[in-house]
């Protein structure tokens, strides 16, 4: 008896804060058409995601996936870092 799992929801967004205690805050932005005025409105959703390896930094674009509840507010986990902001590693150390 083989049961297939449904595909889990994924989201792509920018890391706003983190990692702090293996938690990152990701802001995902989407364009939604307003039902009455038929204009496109930018809607932002904030997700708290689990970053086990603490590999993401603020400003990174990441892909997250829905998972079982990890804590009171964390229901997502980091899948991969899609891109880093330009200028990464160009800091001058003295």
Protein backbone atom coordinates (compact mmCIF):
# COMPACT_ATOMS: atom_id res chain seq x y z
CA UNK A 1 0.00 0.00 0.00
CA UNK A 2 1.81 3.05 -1.30
CA UNK A 3 0.57 6.46 -0.22
CA UNK A 4 1.80 9.55 -1.97
CA UNK A 5 2.46 12.74 -0.10
CA UNK A 6 1.11 16.03 -1.28
CA UNK A 7 3.67 18.56 -2.45
CA UNK A 8 4.62 20.89 0.35
CA UNK A 9 4.23 24.63 -0.07
CA UNK A 10 7.38 26.59 -0.86
CA UNK A 11 8.07 30.29 -0.78
CA UNK A 12 10.93 32.50 -1.91
CA UNK A 13 11.83 35.70 -0.11
CA UNK A 14 14.50 37.86 1.46
CA UNK A 15 16.00 37.26 4.87
CA UNK A 16 15.08 40.21 7.04
CA UNK A 17 16.63 39.14 10.36
CA UNK A 18 18.67 36.22 11.50
CA UNK A 19 20.09 33.83 12.24
CA UNK A 20 19.34 34.09 15.93
CA UNK A 21 18.94 30.78 17.67
CA UNK A 22 18.69 29.05 14.27
CA UNK A 23 15.64 31.16 13.38
CA UNK A 24 15.49 33.47 10.38
CA UNK A 25 12.73 35.90 9.42
CA UNK A 26 11.86 35.79 5.72
CA UNK A 27 9.71 38.36 3.91
CA UNK A 28 7.97 37.04 0.80
CA UNK A 29 6.40 39.65 -1.49
CA UNK A 30 3.73 38.97 -4.09
CA UNK A 31 1.58 41.07 -6.40
CA UNK A 32 -2.16 40.63 -5.86
CA UNK A 33 -4.91 42.23 -7.92
CA UNK A 34 -7.28 44.36 -5.84
CA UNK A 35 -10.83 43.01 -6.16
CA UNK A 36 -12.55 46.37 -6.46
CA UNK A 37 -10.01 48.74 -7.98
CA UNK A 38 -8.28 46.18 -10.25
CA UNK A 39 -4.86 47.57 -9.46
CA UNK A 40 -1.95 45.42 -8.39
CA UNK A 41 -1.04 45.70 -4.74
CA UNK A 42 2.21 44.45 -3.25
CA UNK A 43 1.47 42.08 -0.35
CA UNK A 44 4.24 41.05 2.05
CA UNK A 45 4.06 37.95 4.23
CA UNK A 46 6.50 37.34 7.08
CA UNK A 47 7.61 33.77 7.80
CA UNK A 48 9.80 32.46 10.59
CA UNK A 49 11.95 29.61 9.31
CA UNK A 50 14.38 27.13 10.81
CA UNK A 51 17.99 27.46 9.62
CA UNK A 52 19.81 24.48 11.11
CA UNK A 53 23.29 25.31 9.75
CA UNK A 54 22.87 29.10 10.19
CA UNK A 55 24.04 29.59 6.61
CA UNK A 56 21.82 32.53 5.62
CA UNK A 57 22.48 36.20 6.32
CA UNK A 58 20.25 39.30 6.17
CA UNK A 59 19.69 40.34 2.56
CA UNK A 60 19.97 36.83 1.11
CA UNK A 61 17.24 35.50 -1.15
CA UNK A 62 16.21 32.08 0.15
CA UNK A 63 13.77 29.29 -0.60
CA UNK A 64 11.79 27.91 2.35
CA UNK A 65 9.43 24.95 2.67
CA UNK A 66 6.49 24.34 4.95
CA UNK A 67 7.12 21.67 7.60
CA UNK A 68 5.79 20.37 10.89
CA UNK A 69 5.59 22.90 13.74
CA UNK A 70 9.08 23.36 15.16
CA UNK A 71 8.10 25.95 17.76
CA UNK A 72 5.22 28.29 18.52
CA UNK A 73 5.83 30.46 15.45
CA UNK A 74 8.16 28.35 13.25
CA UNK A 75 6.41 26.19 10.64
CA UNK A 76 8.90 26.61 7.79
CA UNK A 77 12.47 25.47 7.17
CA UNK A 78 15.27 26.70 4.94
CA UNK A 79 15.75 24.68 1.75
CA UNK A 80 18.55 26.65 0.08
CA UNK A 81 20.11 30.07 -0.34
CA UNK A 82 19.16 31.22 -3.84
CA UNK A 83 21.41 34.28 -4.05
CA UNK A 84 23.49 36.60 -1.93
CA UNK A 85 23.47 40.40 -2.26
CA UNK A 86 26.11 41.90 -4.56
CA UNK A 87 29.18 43.20 -2.81
CA UNK A 88 29.41 40.18 -0.54
CA UNK A 89 33.01 39.70 0.54
CA UNK A 90 34.11 43.14 -0.68
CA UNK A 91 34.48 44.47 2.84
CA UNK A 92 37.83 45.96 3.73
CA UNK A 93 39.33 44.64 6.96
CA UNK A 94 41.98 46.54 8.81
